[in-house]
Amino acid sequence: MLLVSGAGLGAINAVRMSVDAFAGVPIVVVLNGYDEDDKVHTGNRGWLRDRDGYDLVTGPETAAARIVL
């Protein structure tokens, strides 16, 4: 399942709550609108990937590459 979230303020909470709702289902988290120059975006990406261990991508191109048909 692809879970799409905004990359900015509130992303960590939104992603955690959504992932919990789909417990047991493999999920790839997509941070939509991700900007590498935005400290909040990079902080959220790091937290969700490194601390929470989510499988995470940062845009539609990388998300599309993860879809298995």
C-alpha atoms as a PDB file:
ATOM      1  CA  MET A   1       0.000   0.000   0.000  1.00  0.00           C
ATOM      2  CA  LEU A   2       1.184   3.532  -0.715  1.00  0.00           C
ATOM      3  CA  LEU A   3       0.508   6.000   2.069  1.00  0.00           C
ATOM      4  CA  VAL A   4       0.824   9.587   0.838  1.00  0.00           C
ATOM      5  CA  SER A   5       1.423  12.358   3.351  1.00  0.00           C
ATOM      6  CA  GLY A   6       2.463  15.962   3.191  1.00  0.00           C
ATOM      7  CA  ALA A   7       6.139  16.428   3.997  1.00  0.00           C
ATOM      8  CA  GLY A   8       5.718  19.401   6.338  1.00  0.00           C
ATOM      9  CA  LEU A   9       4.475  20.106   9.818  1.00  0.00           C
ATOM     10  CA  GLY A  10       2.281  17.302  11.177  1.00  0.00           C
ATOM     11  CA  ALA A  11       3.649  14.620   8.850  1.00  0.00           C
ATOM     12  CA  ILE A  12       5.069  12.424  11.605  1.00  0.00           C
ATOM     13  CA  ASN A  13       1.795  12.261  13.507  1.00  0.00           C
ATOM     14  CA  ALA A  14      -0.294  11.736  10.369  1.00  0.00           C
ATOM     15  CA  VAL A  15       1.929   8.940   9.109  1.00  0.00           C
ATOM     16  CA  ARG A  16       2.119   7.162  12.464  1.00  0.00           C
ATOM     17  CA  MET A  17      -1.649   7.218  12.951  1.00  0.00           C
ATOM     18  CA  SER A  18      -2.305   6.033   9.414  1.00  0.00           C
ATOM     19  CA  VAL A  19       0.255   3.224   9.547  1.00  0.00           C
ATOM     20  CA  ASP A  20      -1.235   2.040  12.839  1.00  0.00           C
ATOM     21  CA  ALA A  21      -4.664   1.849  11.188  1.00  0.00           C
ATOM     22  CA  PHE A  22      -3.272  -0.547   8.562  1.00  0.00           C
ATOM     23  CA  ALA A  23      -1.276  -2.757  10.931  1.00  0.00           C
ATOM     24  CA  GLY A  24       0.088  -5.823   9.200  1.00  0.00           C
ATOM     25  CA  VAL A  25      -0.158  -4.418   5.673  1.00  0.00           C
ATOM     26  CA  PRO A  26       3.146  -3.638   3.891  1.00  0.00           C
ATOM     27  CA  ILE A  27       3.269   0.146   3.456  1.00  0.00           C
ATOM     28  CA  VAL A  28       5.492   2.515   1.521  1.00  0.00           C
ATOM     29  CA  VAL A  29       5.238   6.076   2.842  1.00  0.00           C
ATOM     30  CA  VAL A  30       5.392   8.835   0.224  1.00  0.00           C
ATOM     31  CA  LEU A  31       6.227  12.356   1.390  1.00  0.00           C
ATOM     32  CA  ASN A  32       4.425  14.497  -1.151  1.00  0.00           C
ATOM     33  CA  GLY A  33       5.767  17.939  -1.985  1.00  0.00           C
ATOM     34  CA  TYR A  34       9.122  17.079  -0.449  1.00  0.00           C
ATOM     35  CA  ASP A  35      11.756  19.833  -0.641  1.00  0.00           C
ATOM     36  CA  GLU A  36      15.347  18.846   0.161  1.00  0.00           C
ATOM     37  CA  ASP A  37      16.103  22.467   1.161  1.00  0.00           C
ATOM     38  CA  ASP A  38      13.321  22.574   3.789  1.00  0.00           C
ATOM     39  CA  LYS A  39      14.641  21.646   7.254  1.00  0.00           C
ATOM     40  CA  VAL A  40      11.215  20.476   8.444  1.00  0.00           C
ATOM     41  CA  HIS A  41      10.875  18.169   5.436  1.00  0.00           C
ATOM     42  CA  THR A  42      14.347  16.668   5.861  1.00  0.00           C
ATOM     43  CA  GLY A  43      13.802  16.308   9.604  1.00  0.00           C
ATOM     44  CA  ASN A  44      10.503  14.518   9.076  1.00  0.00           C
ATOM     45  CA  ARG A  45      12.053  12.233   6.467  1.00  0.00           C
ATOM     46  CA  GLY A  46      14.903  11.335   8.798  1.00  0.00           C
ATOM     47  CA  TRP A  47      12.635  10.724  11.767  1.00  0.00           C
ATOM     48  CA  LEU A  48      10.159   8.550   9.871  1.00  0.00           C
ATOM     49  CA  ARG A  49      12.849   6.556   8.083  1.00  0.00           C
ATOM     50  CA  ASP A  50      15.617   6.292  10.680  1.00  0.00           C
ATOM     51  CA  ARG A  51      13.759   6.350  14.011  1.00  0.00           C
ATOM     52  CA  ASP A  52      10.420   4.788  13.057  1.00  0.00           C
ATOM     53  CA  GLY A  53      11.858   2.507  10.366  1.00  0.00           C
ATOM     54  CA  TYR A  54       9.223   3.196   7.720  1.00  0.00           C
ATOM     55  CA  ASP A  55       9.863   2.317   4.098  1.00  0.00           C
ATOM     56  CA  LEU A  56       9.866   5.870   2.766  1.00  0.00           C
ATOM     57  CA  VAL A  57      10.190   7.692  -0.558  1.00  0.00           C
ATOM     58  CA  THR A  58      10.054  11.399  -1.306  1.00  0.00           C
ATOM     59  CA  GLY A  59       8.111  11.897  -4.493  1.00  0.00           C
ATOM     60  CA  PRO A  60       5.864  10.421  -7.150  1.00  0.00           C
ATOM     61  CA  GLU A  61       8.717   9.258  -9.372  1.00  0.00           C
ATOM     62  CA  THR A  62      10.327   7.195  -6.636  1.00  0.00           C
ATOM     63  CA  ALA A  63       6.932   5.962  -5.462  1.00  0.00           C
ATOM     64  CA  ALA A  64       6.068   4.776  -8.969  1.00  0.00           C
ATOM     65  CA  ALA A  65       9.324   2.839  -9.109  1.00  0.00           C
ATOM     66  CA  ARG A  66       8.314   0.959  -5.928  1.00  0.00           C
ATOM     67  CA  ILE A  67       4.977  -0.292  -7.267  1.00  0.00           C
ATOM     68  CA  VAL A  68       5.073  -4.004  -7.978  1.00  0.00           C
ATOM     69  CA  LEU A  69       2.573  -5.214 -10.545  1.00  0.00           C
END
